[in-house]
Amino acid sequence: QVQVVESGGGLVQSGGSLKLSCEVSGRTLSAYDIGWYRQAPGKEREYLARLWDNGLTQYEDAVKGRFTIFRGTTKNVVYLQMNNLKPEDTAVYYCRYISGPADSWGRGTQVTVSS
């Protein structure tokens, strides 16, 4: 079983920055990807970015150029640096561990951007 824990959310003013963390633990496989998603009130969960095990990254257009996904000094911690935040970025942010057909989700961390 794989555990996924997000942290780093909070309240920030428009134009500000936050750095979210995603820590995976447990029975992780040697190769896995990490994805970041978010869900705003009344909306469906939205894909944001993905970090492949080989280091490649992909971003959704809505966050491209503002958000950066990267791995920390240890493989099991992945970050999402969010800059130039906007009120429409307000949501619960989720991290997803992805290894082949298997995946695990964290419980999310709330990000609120005030105007």
PDB file of N, CA and C in Angstrom:
ATOM      1  N   GLN A   1       0.848  -1.188   0.000  1.00  0.00           N
ATOM      2  CA  GLN A   1       0.000   0.000   0.000  1.00  0.00           C
ATOM      3  C   GLN A   1       0.889   1.245   0.000  1.00  0.00           C
ATOM      4  N   VAL A   2       0.477   2.240  -0.749  1.00  0.00           N
ATOM      5  CA  VAL A   2       1.238   3.480  -0.871  1.00  0.00           C
ATOM      6  C   VAL A   2       0.456   4.603  -0.197  1.00  0.00           C
ATOM      7  N   GLN A   3       1.157   5.363   0.618  1.00  0.00           N
ATOM      8  CA  GLN A   3       0.542   6.529   1.256  1.00  0.00           C
ATOM      9  C   GLN A   3       1.041   7.794   0.565  1.00  0.00           C
ATOM     10  N   VAL A   4       0.128   8.719   0.384  1.00  0.00           N
ATOM     11  CA  VAL A   4       0.440   9.996  -0.257  1.00  0.00           C
ATOM     12  C   VAL A   4      -0.059  11.111   0.660  1.00  0.00           C
ATOM     13  N   VAL A   5       0.834  12.038   0.977  1.00  0.00           N
ATOM     14  CA  VAL A   5       0.464  13.137   1.874  1.00  0.00           C
ATOM     15  C   VAL A   5       0.896  14.460   1.260  1.00  0.00           C
ATOM     16  N   GLU A   6      -0.077  15.351   1.090  1.00  0.00           N
ATOM     17  CA  GLU A   6       0.208  16.696   0.595  1.00  0.00           C
ATOM     18  C   GLU A   6       0.316  17.661   1.768  1.00  0.00           C
ATOM     19  N   SER A   7       1.095  18.708   1.564  1.00  0.00           N
ATOM     20  CA  SER A   7       1.200  19.767   2.561  1.00  0.00           C
ATOM     21  C   SER A   7       1.623  21.050   1.871  1.00  0.00           C
ATOM     22  N   GLY A   8       1.530  22.145   2.605  1.00  0.00           N
ATOM     23  CA  GLY A   8       1.997  23.425   2.084  1.00  0.00           C
ATOM     24  C   GLY A   8       0.917  24.377   1.634  1.00  0.00           C
ATOM     25  N   GLY A   9      -0.330  23.942   1.700  1.00  0.00           N
ATOM     26  CA  GLY A   9      -1.408  24.838   1.303  1.00  0.00           C
ATOM     27  C   GLY A   9      -1.592  25.964   2.305  1.00  0.00           C
ATOM     28  N   GLY A  10      -2.434  26.915   1.933  1.00  0.00           N
ATOM     29  CA  GLY A  10      -2.702  28.026   2.826  1.00  0.00           C
ATOM     30  C   GLY A  10      -3.401  29.150   2.115  1.00  0.00           C
ATOM     31  N   LEU A  11      -3.412  30.294   2.763  1.00  0.00           N
ATOM     32  CA  LEU A  11      -4.041  31.500   2.227  1.00  0.00           C
ATOM     33  C   LEU A  11      -2.959  32.434   1.720  1.00  0.00           C
ATOM     34  N   VAL A  12      -3.132  32.903   0.496  1.00  0.00           N
ATOM     35  CA  VAL A  12      -2.147  33.795  -0.100  1.00  0.00           C
ATOM     36  C   VAL A  12      -2.878  34.850  -0.919  1.00  0.00           C
ATOM     37  N   GLN A  13      -2.273  36.007  -1.035  1.00  0.00           N
ATOM     38  CA  GLN A  13      -2.882  37.075  -1.842  1.00  0.00           C
ATOM     39  C   GLN A  13      -2.617  36.835  -3.328  1.00  0.00           C
ATOM     40  N   SER A  14      -3.471  37.402  -4.143  1.00  0.00           N
ATOM     41  CA  SER A  14      -3.300  37.307  -5.582  1.00  0.00           C
ATOM     42  C   SER A  14      -1.913  37.819  -5.972  1.00  0.00           C
ATOM     43  N   GLY A  15      -1.245  37.063  -6.840  1.00  0.00           N
ATOM     44  CA  GLY A  15       0.112  37.403  -7.233  1.00  0.00           C
ATOM     45  C   GLY A  15       1.181  36.745  -6.382  1.00  0.00           C
ATOM     46  N   GLY A  16       0.774  36.133  -5.305  1.00  0.00           N
ATOM     47  CA  GLY A  16       1.719  35.485  -4.405  1.00  0.00           C
ATOM     48  C   GLY A  16       2.116  34.095  -4.852  1.00  0.00           C
ATOM     49  N   SER A  17       2.888  33.434  -3.994  1.00  0.00           N
ATOM     50  CA  SER A  17       3.414  32.111  -4.321  1.00  0.00           C
ATOM     51  C   SER A  17       3.193  31.145  -3.159  1.00  0.00           C
ATOM     52  N   LEU A  18       3.108  29.880  -3.506  1.00  0.00           N
ATOM     53  CA  LEU A  18       3.066  28.805  -2.533  1.00  0.00           C
ATOM     54  C   LEU A  18       3.837  27.624  -3.097  1.00  0.00           C
ATOM     55  N   LYS A  19       4.392  26.837  -2.205  1.00  0.00           N
ATOM     56  CA  LYS A  19       5.092  25.621  -2.607  1.00  0.00           C
ATOM     57  C   LYS A  19       4.433  24.450  -1.900  1.00  0.00           C
ATOM     58  N   LEU A  20       3.814  23.593  -2.683  1.00  0.00           N
ATOM     59  CA  LEU A  20       3.176  22.405  -2.136  1.00  0.00           C
ATOM     60  C   LEU A  20       4.142  21.233  -2.156  1.00  0.00           C
ATOM     61  N   SER A  21       3.995  20.371  -1.178  1.00  0.00           N
ATOM     62  CA  SER A  21       4.823  19.171  -1.090  1.00  0.00           C
ATOM     63  C   SER A  21       3.953  17.934  -1.183  1.00  0.00           C
ATOM     64  N   CYS A  22       4.512  16.904  -1.776  1.00  0.00           N
ATOM     65  CA  CYS A  22       3.850  15.607  -1.875  1.00  0.00           C
ATOM     66  C   CYS A  22       4.868  14.550  -1.445  1.00  0.00           C
ATOM     67  N   GLU A  23       4.538  13.863  -0.382  1.00  0.00           N
ATOM     68  CA  GLU A  23       5.437  12.815   0.107  1.00  0.00           C
ATOM     69  C   GLU A  23       4.753  11.463  -0.033  1.00  0.00           C
ATOM     70  N   VAL A  24       5.434  10.548  -0.692  1.00  0.00           N
ATOM     71  CA  VAL A  24       4.911   9.193  -0.840  1.00  0.00           C
ATOM     72  C   VAL A  24       5.725   8.253   0.037  1.00  0.00           C
ATOM     73  N   SER A  25       5.047   7.251   0.566  1.00  0.00           N
ATOM     74  CA  SER A  25       5.713   6.285   1.420  1.00  0.00           C
ATOM     75  C   SER A  25       4.986   4.952   1.304  1.00  0.00           C
ATOM     76  N   GLY A  26       5.564   3.961   1.923  1.00  0.00           N
ATOM     77  CA  GLY A  26       4.960   2.635   1.874  1.00  0.00           C
ATOM     78  C   GLY A  26       5.575   1.784   0.781  1.00  0.00           C
ATOM     79  N   ARG A  27       4.773   0.940   0.203  1.00  0.00           N
ATOM     80  CA  ARG A  27       5.263  -0.038  -0.763  1.00  0.00           C
ATOM     81  C   ARG A  27       5.276   0.556  -2.175  1.00  0.00           C
ATOM     82  N   THR A  28       6.115   1.560  -2.356  1.00  0.00           N
ATOM     83  CA  THR A  28       6.237   2.178  -3.675  1.00  0.00           C
ATOM     84  C   THR A  28       7.095   1.299  -4.573  1.00  0.00           C
ATOM     85  N   LEU A  29       6.787   1.344  -5.840  1.00  0.00           N
ATOM     86  CA  LEU A  29       7.598   0.622  -6.815  1.00  0.00           C
ATOM     87  C   LEU A  29       8.829   1.458  -7.157  1.00  0.00           C
ATOM     88  N   SER A  30       9.791   0.852  -7.817  1.00  0.00           N
ATOM     89  CA  SER A  30      11.032   1.568  -8.105  1.00  0.00           C
ATOM     90  C   SER A  30      10.826   2.708  -9.102  1.00  0.00           C
ATOM     91  N   ALA A  31       9.846   2.558  -9.968  1.00  0.00           N
ATOM     92  CA  ALA A  31       9.570   3.595 -10.960  1.00  0.00           C
ATOM     93  C   ALA A  31       8.127   4.056 -10.822  1.00  0.00           C
ATOM     94  N   TYR A  32       7.961   5.346 -10.676  1.00  0.00           N
ATOM     95  CA  TYR A  32       6.604   5.879 -10.598  1.00  0.00           C
ATOM     96  C   TYR A  32       6.594   7.345 -10.987  1.00  0.00           C
ATOM     97  N   ASP A  33       5.431   7.781 -11.383  1.00  0.00           N
ATOM     98  CA  ASP A  33       5.227   9.178 -11.733  1.00  0.00           C
ATOM     99  C   ASP A  33       4.400   9.843 -10.632  1.00  0.00           C
ATOM    100  N   ILE A  34       4.437  11.157 -10.620  1.00  0.00           N
ATOM    101  CA  ILE A  34       3.622  11.933  -9.682  1.00  0.00           C
ATOM    102  C   ILE A  34       2.814  12.960 -10.467  1.00  0.00           C
ATOM    103  N   GLY A  35       1.554  13.031 -10.141  1.00  0.00           N
ATOM    104  CA  GLY A  35       0.697  14.034 -10.762  1.00  0.00           C
ATOM    105  C   GLY A  35       0.096  14.951  -9.712  1.00  0.00           C
ATOM    106  N   TRP A  36      -0.136  16.192 -10.110  1.00  0.00           N
ATOM    107  CA  TRP A  36      -0.841  17.151  -9.257  1.00  0.00           C
ATOM    108  C   TRP A  36      -2.170  17.497  -9.919  1.00  0.00           C
ATOM    109  N   TYR A  37      -3.201  17.571  -9.112  1.00  0.00           N
ATOM    110  CA  TYR A  37      -4.543  17.880  -9.562  1.00  0.00           C
ATOM    111  C   TYR A  37      -5.154  18.868  -8.582  1.00  0.00           C
ATOM    112  N   ARG A  38      -6.285  19.444  -8.959  1.00  0.00           N
ATOM    113  CA  ARG A  38      -6.993  20.312  -8.025  1.00  0.00           C
ATOM    114  C   ARG A  38      -8.490  20.202  -8.280  1.00  0.00           C
ATOM    115  N   GLN A  39      -9.228  20.539  -7.253  1.00  0.00           N
ATOM    116  CA  GLN A  39     -10.681  20.539  -7.374  1.00  0.00           C
ATOM    117  C   GLN A  39     -11.240  21.751  -6.659  1.00  0.00           C
ATOM    118  N   ALA A  40     -11.872  22.619  -7.428  1.00  0.00           N
ATOM    119  CA  ALA A  40     -12.508  23.804  -6.872  1.00  0.00           C
ATOM    120  C   ALA A  40     -13.950  23.456  -6.498  1.00  0.00           C
ATOM    121  N   PRO A  41     -14.541  24.210  -5.589  1.00  0.00           N
ATOM    122  CA  PRO A  41     -15.925  23.929  -5.183  1.00  0.00           C
ATOM    123  C   PRO A  41     -16.869  23.913  -6.378  1.00  0.00           C
ATOM    124  N   GLY A  42     -17.646  22.867  -6.471  1.00  0.00           N
ATOM    125  CA  GLY A  42     -18.629  22.760  -7.536  1.00  0.00           C
ATOM    126  C   GLY A  42     -18.065  22.361  -8.887  1.00  0.00           C
ATOM    127  N   LYS A  43     -16.765  22.063  -8.930  1.00  0.00           N
ATOM    128  CA  LYS A  43     -16.148  21.694 -10.208  1.00  0.00           C
ATOM    129  C   LYS A  43     -15.540  20.304 -10.113  1.00  0.00           C
ATOM    130  N   GLU A  44     -15.250  19.747 -11.279  1.00  0.00           N
ATOM    131  CA  GLU A  44     -14.615  18.438 -11.321  1.00  0.00           C
ATOM    132  C   GLU A  44     -13.114  18.576 -11.032  1.00  0.00           C
ATOM    133  N   ARG A  45     -12.534  17.451 -10.634  1.00  0.00           N
ATOM    134  CA  ARG A  45     -11.097  17.459 -10.397  1.00  0.00           C
ATOM    135  C   ARG A  45     -10.366  17.718 -11.708  1.00  0.00           C
ATOM    136  N   GLU A  46      -9.356  18.566 -11.642  1.00  0.00           N
ATOM    137  CA  GLU A  46      -8.654  19.042 -12.831  1.00  0.00           C
ATOM    138  C   GLU A  46      -7.186  18.644 -12.768  1.00  0.00           C
ATOM    139  N   TYR A  47      -6.683  18.118 -13.866  1.00  0.00           N
ATOM    140  CA  TYR A  47      -5.262  17.764 -13.973  1.00  0.00           C
ATOM    141  C   TYR A  47      -4.431  19.034 -14.121  1.00  0.00           C
ATOM    142  N   LEU A  48      -3.275  19.081 -13.449  1.00  0.00           N
ATOM    143  CA  LEU A  48      -2.399  20.247 -13.516  1.00  0.00           C
ATOM    144  C   LEU A  48      -1.040  19.934 -14.119  1.00  0.00           C
ATOM    145  N   ALA A  49      -0.395  18.919 -13.604  1.00  0.00           N
ATOM    146  CA  ALA A  49       0.984  18.671 -14.012  1.00  0.00           C
ATOM    147  C   ALA A  49       1.364  17.237 -13.671  1.00  0.00           C
ATOM    148  N   ARG A  50       2.401  16.769 -14.364  1.00  0.00           N
ATOM    149  CA  ARG A  50       2.890  15.416 -14.117  1.00  0.00           C
ATOM    150  C   ARG A  50       4.402  15.392 -14.222  1.00  0.00           C
ATOM    151  N   LEU A  51       5.013  14.656 -13.335  1.00  0.00           N
ATOM    152  CA  LEU A  51       6.458  14.429 -13.363  1.00  0.00           C
ATOM    153  C   LEU A  51       6.672  12.940 -13.580  1.00  0.00           C
ATOM    154  N   TRP A  52       7.244  12.618 -14.728  1.00  0.00           N
ATOM    155  CA  TRP A  52       7.520  11.207 -15.016  1.00  0.00           C
ATOM    156  C   TRP A  52       8.764  10.751 -14.258  1.00  0.00           C
ATOM    157  N   ASP A  53       8.872   9.469 -14.095  1.00  0.00           N
ATOM    158  CA  ASP A  53      10.008   8.903 -13.365  1.00  0.00           C
ATOM    159  C   ASP A  53      11.326   9.262 -14.036  1.00  0.00           C
ATOM    160  N   ASN A  54      11.302   9.456 -15.371  1.00  0.00           N
ATOM    161  CA  ASN A  54      12.538   9.776 -16.090  1.00  0.00           C
ATOM    162  C   ASN A  54      12.865  11.266 -16.049  1.00  0.00           C
ATOM    163  N   GLY A  55      12.041  12.034 -15.365  1.00  0.00           N
ATOM    164  CA  GLY A  55      12.318  13.462 -15.207  1.00  0.00           C
ATOM    165  C   GLY A  55      11.540  14.385 -16.119  1.00  0.00           C
ATOM    166  N   LEU A  56      10.871  13.834 -17.094  1.00  0.00           N
ATOM    167  CA  LEU A  56      10.078  14.677 -17.986  1.00  0.00           C
ATOM    168  C   LEU A  56       8.883  15.255 -17.237  1.00  0.00           C
ATOM    169  N   THR A  57       8.451  16.419 -17.666  1.00  0.00           N
ATOM    170  CA  THR A  57       7.311  17.084 -17.046  1.00  0.00           C
ATOM    171  C   THR A  57       6.292  17.504 -18.103  1.00  0.00           C
ATOM    172  N   GLN A  58       5.071  17.642 -17.659  1.00  0.00           N
ATOM    173  CA  GLN A  58       3.991  18.099 -18.529  1.00  0.00           C
ATOM    174  C   GLN A  58       3.069  18.969 -17.694  1.00  0.00           C
ATOM    175  N   TYR A  59       2.532  20.021 -18.323  1.00  0.00           N
ATOM    176  CA  TYR A  59       1.656  20.953 -17.613  1.00  0.00           C
ATOM    177  C   TYR A  59       0.386  21.211 -18.405  1.00  0.00           C
ATOM    178  N   GLU A  60      -0.685  21.420 -17.667  1.00  0.00           N
ATOM    179  CA  GLU A  60      -1.929  21.865 -18.265  1.00  0.00           C
ATOM    180  C   GLU A  60      -1.756  23.330 -18.647  1.00  0.00           C
ATOM    181  N   ASP A  61      -2.420  23.747 -19.697  1.00  0.00           N
ATOM    182  CA  ASP A  61      -2.249  25.117 -20.193  1.00  0.00           C
ATOM    183  C   ASP A  61      -2.557  26.172 -19.134  1.00  0.00           C
ATOM    184  N   ALA A  62      -3.523  25.894 -18.270  1.00  0.00           N
ATOM    185  CA  ALA A  62      -3.946  26.892 -17.287  1.00  0.00           C
ATOM    186  C   ALA A  62      -2.844  27.262 -16.298  1.00  0.00           C
ATOM    187  N   VAL A  63      -1.871  26.386 -16.136  1.00  0.00           N
ATOM    188  CA  VAL A  63      -0.822  26.644 -15.149  1.00  0.00           C
ATOM    189  C   VAL A  63       0.575  26.705 -15.770  1.00  0.00           C
ATOM    190  N   LYS A  64       0.662  26.463 -17.043  1.00  0.00           N
ATOM    191  CA  LYS A  64       1.968  26.467 -17.703  1.00  0.00           C
ATOM    192  C   LYS A  64       2.608  27.838 -17.569  1.00  0.00           C
ATOM    193  N   GLY A  65       3.857  27.858 -17.166  1.00  0.00           N
ATOM    194  CA  GLY A  65       4.570  29.121 -16.987  1.00  0.00           C
ATOM    195  C   GLY A  65       4.440  29.699 -15.593  1.00  0.00           C
ATOM    196  N   ARG A  66       3.470  29.219 -14.817  1.00  0.00           N
ATOM    197  CA  ARG A  66       3.287  29.711 -13.449  1.00  0.00           C
ATOM    198  C   ARG A  66       3.620  28.637 -12.415  1.00  0.00           C
ATOM    199  N   PHE A  67       3.330  27.390 -12.741  1.00  0.00           N
ATOM    200  CA  PHE A  67       3.567  26.281 -11.818  1.00  0.00           C
ATOM    201  C   PHE A  67       4.746  25.446 -12.317  1.00  0.00           C
ATOM    202  N   THR A  68       5.506  24.926 -11.356  1.00  0.00           N
ATOM    203  CA  THR A  68       6.627  24.054 -11.679  1.00  0.00           C
ATOM    204  C   THR A  68       6.587  22.824 -10.787  1.00  0.00           C
ATOM    205  N   ILE A  69       6.650  21.661 -11.411  1.00  0.00           N
ATOM    206  CA  ILE A  69       6.701  20.408 -10.656  1.00  0.00           C
ATOM    207  C   ILE A  69       8.130  19.899 -10.682  1.00  0.00           C
ATOM    208  N   PHE A  70       8.632  19.510  -9.511  1.00  0.00           N
ATOM    209  CA  PHE A  70      10.005  19.026  -9.472  1.00  0.00           C
ATOM    210  C   PHE A  70      10.188  18.109  -8.278  1.00  0.00           C
ATOM    211  N   ARG A  71      11.227  17.301  -8.372  1.00  0.00           N
ATOM    212  CA  ARG A  71      11.513  16.347  -7.305  1.00  0.00           C
ATOM    213  C   ARG A  71      12.522  16.957  -6.336  1.00  0.00           C
ATOM    214  N   GLY A  72      12.362  16.617  -5.071  1.00  0.00           N
ATOM    215  CA  GLY A  72      13.299  17.095  -4.073  1.00  0.00           C
ATOM    216  C   GLY A  72      14.568  16.271  -4.067  1.00  0.00           C
ATOM    217  N   THR A  73      15.328  16.410  -3.022  1.00  0.00           N
ATOM    218  CA  THR A  73      16.594  15.686  -2.920  1.00  0.00           C
ATOM    219  C   THR A  73      16.372  14.195  -2.731  1.00  0.00           C
ATOM    220  N   THR A  74      15.216  13.823  -2.256  1.00  0.00           N
ATOM    221  CA  THR A  74      14.867  12.412  -2.161  1.00  0.00           C
ATOM    222  C   THR A  74      13.723  12.130  -3.119  1.00  0.00           C
ATOM    223  N   LYS A  75      13.748  10.956  -3.721  1.00  0.00           N
ATOM    224  CA  LYS A  75      12.796  10.642  -4.779  1.00  0.00           C
ATOM    225  C   LYS A  75      11.352  10.686  -4.294  1.00  0.00           C
ATOM    226  N   ASN A  76      11.140  10.422  -3.013  1.00  0.00           N
ATOM    227  CA  ASN A  76       9.767  10.273  -2.544  1.00  0.00           C
ATOM    228  C   ASN A  76       9.080  11.603  -2.217  1.00  0.00           C
ATOM    229  N   VAL A  77       9.756  12.707  -2.451  1.00  0.00           N
ATOM    230  CA  VAL A  77       9.141  14.016  -2.218  1.00  0.00           C
ATOM    231  C   VAL A  77       9.141  14.817  -3.515  1.00  0.00           C
ATOM    232  N   VAL A  78       7.965  15.244  -3.901  1.00  0.00           N
ATOM    233  CA  VAL A  78       7.796  16.036  -5.121  1.00  0.00           C
ATOM    234  C   VAL A  78       7.088  17.334  -4.742  1.00  0.00           C
ATOM    235  N   TYR A  79       7.516  18.402  -5.375  1.00  0.00           N
ATOM    236  CA  TYR A  79       6.968  19.711  -5.059  1.00  0.00           C
ATOM    237  C   TYR A  79       6.190  20.292  -6.232  1.00  0.00           C
ATOM    238  N   LEU A  80       5.306  21.197  -5.904  1.00  0.00           N
ATOM    239  CA  LEU A  80       4.629  22.005  -6.915  1.00  0.00           C
ATOM    240  C   LEU A  80       4.806  23.462  -6.504  1.00  0.00           C
ATOM    241  N   GLN A  81       5.707  24.141  -7.190  1.00  0.00           N
ATOM    242  CA  GLN A  81       5.922  25.564  -6.937  1.00  0.00           C
ATOM    243  C   GLN A  81       4.889  26.343  -7.733  1.00  0.00           C
ATOM    244  N   MET A  82       4.129  27.166  -7.045  1.00  0.00           N
ATOM    245  CA  MET A  82       3.056  27.915  -7.685  1.00  0.00           C
ATOM    246  C   MET A  82       3.332  29.397  -7.537  1.00  0.00           C
ATOM    247  N   ASN A  83       3.503  30.075  -8.656  1.00  0.00           N
ATOM    248  CA  ASN A  83       3.787  31.511  -8.661  1.00  0.00           C
ATOM    249  C   ASN A  83       2.653  32.267  -9.340  1.00  0.00           C
ATOM    250  N   ASN A  84       2.634  33.565  -9.074  1.00  0.00           N
ATOM    251  CA  ASN A  84       1.608  34.420  -9.677  1.00  0.00           C
ATOM    252  C   ASN A  84       0.211  33.824  -9.510  1.00  0.00           C
ATOM    253  N   LEU A  85      -0.110  33.476  -8.298  1.00  0.00           N
ATOM    254  CA  LEU A  85      -1.393  32.832  -8.036  1.00  0.00           C
ATOM    255  C   LEU A  85      -2.548  33.792  -8.261  1.00  0.00           C
ATOM    256  N   LYS A  86      -3.650  33.232  -8.704  1.00  0.00           N
ATOM    257  CA  LYS A  86      -4.842  33.999  -9.012  1.00  0.00           C
ATOM    258  C   LYS A  86      -6.010  33.462  -8.184  1.00  0.00           C
ATOM    259  N   PRO A  87      -7.026  34.275  -7.973  1.00  0.00           N
ATOM    260  CA  PRO A  87      -8.183  33.782  -7.203  1.00  0.00           C
ATOM    261  C   PRO A  87      -8.774  32.501  -7.784  1.00  0.00           C
ATOM    262  N   GLU A  88      -8.721  32.349  -9.100  1.00  0.00           N
ATOM    263  CA  GLU A  88      -9.269  31.146  -9.722  1.00  0.00           C
ATOM    264  C   GLU A  88      -8.424  29.900  -9.469  1.00  0.00           C
ATOM    265  N   ASP A  89      -7.268  30.070  -8.838  1.00  0.00           N
ATOM    266  CA  ASP A  89      -6.455  28.919  -8.440  1.00  0.00           C
ATOM    267  C   ASP A  89      -6.927  28.330  -7.102  1.00  0.00           C
ATOM    268  N   THR A  90      -7.872  28.985  -6.472  1.00  0.00           N
ATOM    269  CA  THR A  90      -8.400  28.491  -5.204  1.00  0.00           C
ATOM    270  C   THR A  90      -9.039  27.120  -5.395  1.00  0.00           C
ATOM    271  N   ALA A  91      -8.560  26.163  -4.624  1.00  0.00           N
ATOM    272  CA  ALA A  91      -9.032  24.780  -4.766  1.00  0.00           C
ATOM    273  C   ALA A  91      -8.347  23.913  -3.718  1.00  0.00           C
ATOM    274  N   VAL A  92      -8.795  22.680  -3.645  1.00  0.00           N
ATOM    275  CA  VAL A  92      -8.056  21.667  -2.902  1.00  0.00           C
ATOM    276  C   VAL A  92      -7.110  20.997  -3.896  1.00  0.00           C
ATOM    277  N   TYR A  93      -5.852  20.928  -3.533  1.00  0.00           N
ATOM    278  CA  TYR A  93      -4.828  20.387  -4.417  1.00  0.00           C
ATOM    279  C   TYR A  93      -4.464  18.970  -3.968  1.00  0.00           C
ATOM    280  N   TYR A  94      -4.457  18.070  -4.945  1.00  0.00           N
ATOM    281  CA  TYR A  94      -4.211  16.660  -4.681  1.00  0.00           C
ATOM    282  C   TYR A  94      -2.973  16.169  -5.413  1.00  0.00           C
ATOM    283  N   CYS A  95      -2.295  15.250  -4.772  1.00  0.00           N
ATOM    284  CA  CYS A  95      -1.152  14.589  -5.368  1.00  0.00           C
ATOM    285  C   CYS A  95      -1.543  13.141  -5.668  1.00  0.00           C
ATOM    286  N   ARG A  96      -1.035  12.630  -6.756  1.00  0.00           N
ATOM    287  CA  ARG A  96      -1.361  11.268  -7.168  1.00  0.00           C
ATOM    288  C   ARG A  96      -0.088  10.512  -7.501  1.00  0.00           C
ATOM    289  N   TYR A  97       0.072   9.371  -6.883  1.00  0.00           N
ATOM    290  CA  TYR A  97       1.155   8.438  -7.186  1.00  0.00           C
ATOM    291  C   TYR A  97       0.666   7.531  -8.307  1.00  0.00           C
ATOM    292  N   ILE A  98       1.494   7.399  -9.366  1.00  0.00           N
ATOM    293  CA  ILE A  98       1.086   6.639 -10.536  1.00  0.00           C
ATOM    294  C   ILE A  98       2.191   5.659 -10.912  1.00  0.00           C
ATOM    295  N   SER A  99       1.848   4.382 -10.925  1.00  0.00           N
ATOM    296  CA  SER A  99       2.808   3.370 -11.355  1.00  0.00           C
ATOM    297  C   SER A  99       2.056   2.319 -12.141  1.00  0.00           C
ATOM    298  N   GLY A 100       2.135   2.416 -13.469  1.00  0.00           N
ATOM    299  CA  GLY A 100       1.370   1.519 -14.321  1.00  0.00           C
ATOM    300  C   GLY A 100      -0.106   1.713 -14.066  1.00  0.00           C
ATOM    301  N   PRO A 101      -0.828   0.611 -13.881  1.00  0.00           N
ATOM    302  CA  PRO A 101      -2.268   0.739 -13.648  1.00  0.00           C
ATOM    303  C   PRO A 101      -2.623   1.111 -12.209  1.00  0.00           C
ATOM    304  N   ALA A 102      -1.634   1.109 -11.351  1.00  0.00           N
ATOM    305  CA  ALA A 102      -1.891   1.393  -9.936  1.00  0.00           C
ATOM    306  C   ALA A 102      -1.718   2.870  -9.638  1.00  0.00           C
ATOM    307  N   ASP A 103      -2.551   3.367  -8.751  1.00  0.00           N
ATOM    308  CA  ASP A 103      -2.365   4.742  -8.317  1.00  0.00           C
ATOM    309  C   ASP A 103      -2.877   4.912  -6.886  1.00  0.00           C
ATOM    310  N   SER A 104      -2.404   5.959  -6.253  1.00  0.00           N
ATOM    311  CA  SER A 104      -2.869   6.316  -4.917  1.00  0.00           C
ATOM    312  C   SER A 104      -2.979   7.824  -4.831  1.00  0.00           C
ATOM    313  N   TRP A 105      -3.992   8.285  -4.125  1.00  0.00           N
ATOM    314  CA  TRP A 105      -4.242   9.713  -3.973  1.00  0.00           C
ATOM    315  C   TRP A 105      -4.047  10.137  -2.523  1.00  0.00           C
ATOM    316  N   GLY A 106      -3.613  11.368  -2.374  1.00  0.00           N
ATOM    317  CA  GLY A 106      -3.599  11.954  -1.058  1.00  0.00           C
ATOM    318  C   GLY A 106      -4.950  12.564  -0.737  1.00  0.00           C
ATOM    319  N   ARG A 107      -5.056  13.133   0.462  1.00  0.00           N
ATOM    320  CA  ARG A 107      -6.323  13.726   0.896  1.00  0.00           C
ATOM    321  C   ARG A 107      -6.452  15.187   0.500  1.00  0.00           C
ATOM    322  N   GLY A 108      -5.372  15.760   0.011  1.00  0.00           N
ATOM    323  CA  GLY A 108      -5.436  17.117  -0.490  1.00  0.00           C
ATOM    324  C   GLY A 108      -5.004  18.171   0.511  1.00  0.00           C
ATOM    325  N   THR A 109      -4.671  19.335  -0.017  1.00  0.00           N
ATOM    326  CA  THR A 109      -4.328  20.485   0.804  1.00  0.00           C
ATOM    327  C   THR A 109      -5.014  21.708   0.201  1.00  0.00           C
ATOM    328  N   GLN A 110      -5.605  22.517   1.046  1.00  0.00           N
ATOM    329  CA  GLN A 110      -6.400  23.654   0.581  1.00  0.00           C
ATOM    330  C   GLN A 110      -5.510  24.840   0.229  1.00  0.00           C
ATOM    331  N   VAL A 111      -5.752  25.391  -0.933  1.00  0.00           N
ATOM    332  CA  VAL A 111      -5.094  26.626  -1.361  1.00  0.00           C
ATOM    333  C   VAL A 111      -6.182  27.667  -1.599  1.00  0.00           C
ATOM    334  N   THR A 112      -6.041  28.796  -0.945  1.00  0.00           N
ATOM    335  CA  THR A 112      -7.001  29.879  -1.111  1.00  0.00           C
ATOM    336  C   THR A 112      -6.253  31.139  -1.512  1.00  0.00           C
ATOM    337  N   VAL A 113      -6.666  31.718  -2.624  1.00  0.00           N
ATOM    338  CA  VAL A 113      -6.030  32.923  -3.130  1.00  0.00           C
ATOM    339  C   VAL A 113      -7.029  34.068  -3.037  1.00  0.00           C
ATOM    340  N   SER A 114      -6.684  35.075  -2.272  1.00  0.00           N
ATOM    341  CA  SER A 114      -7.577  36.216  -2.104  1.00  0.00           C
ATOM    342  C   SER A 114      -7.265  37.297  -3.128  1.00  0.00           C
ATOM    343  N   SER A 115      -8.302  38.022  -3.516  1.00  0.00           N
ATOM    344  CA  SER A 115      -8.114  39.066  -4.532  1.00  0.00           C
ATOM    345  C   SER A 115      -7.730  40.384  -3.905  1.00  0.00           C
TER     346      SER A 115
END
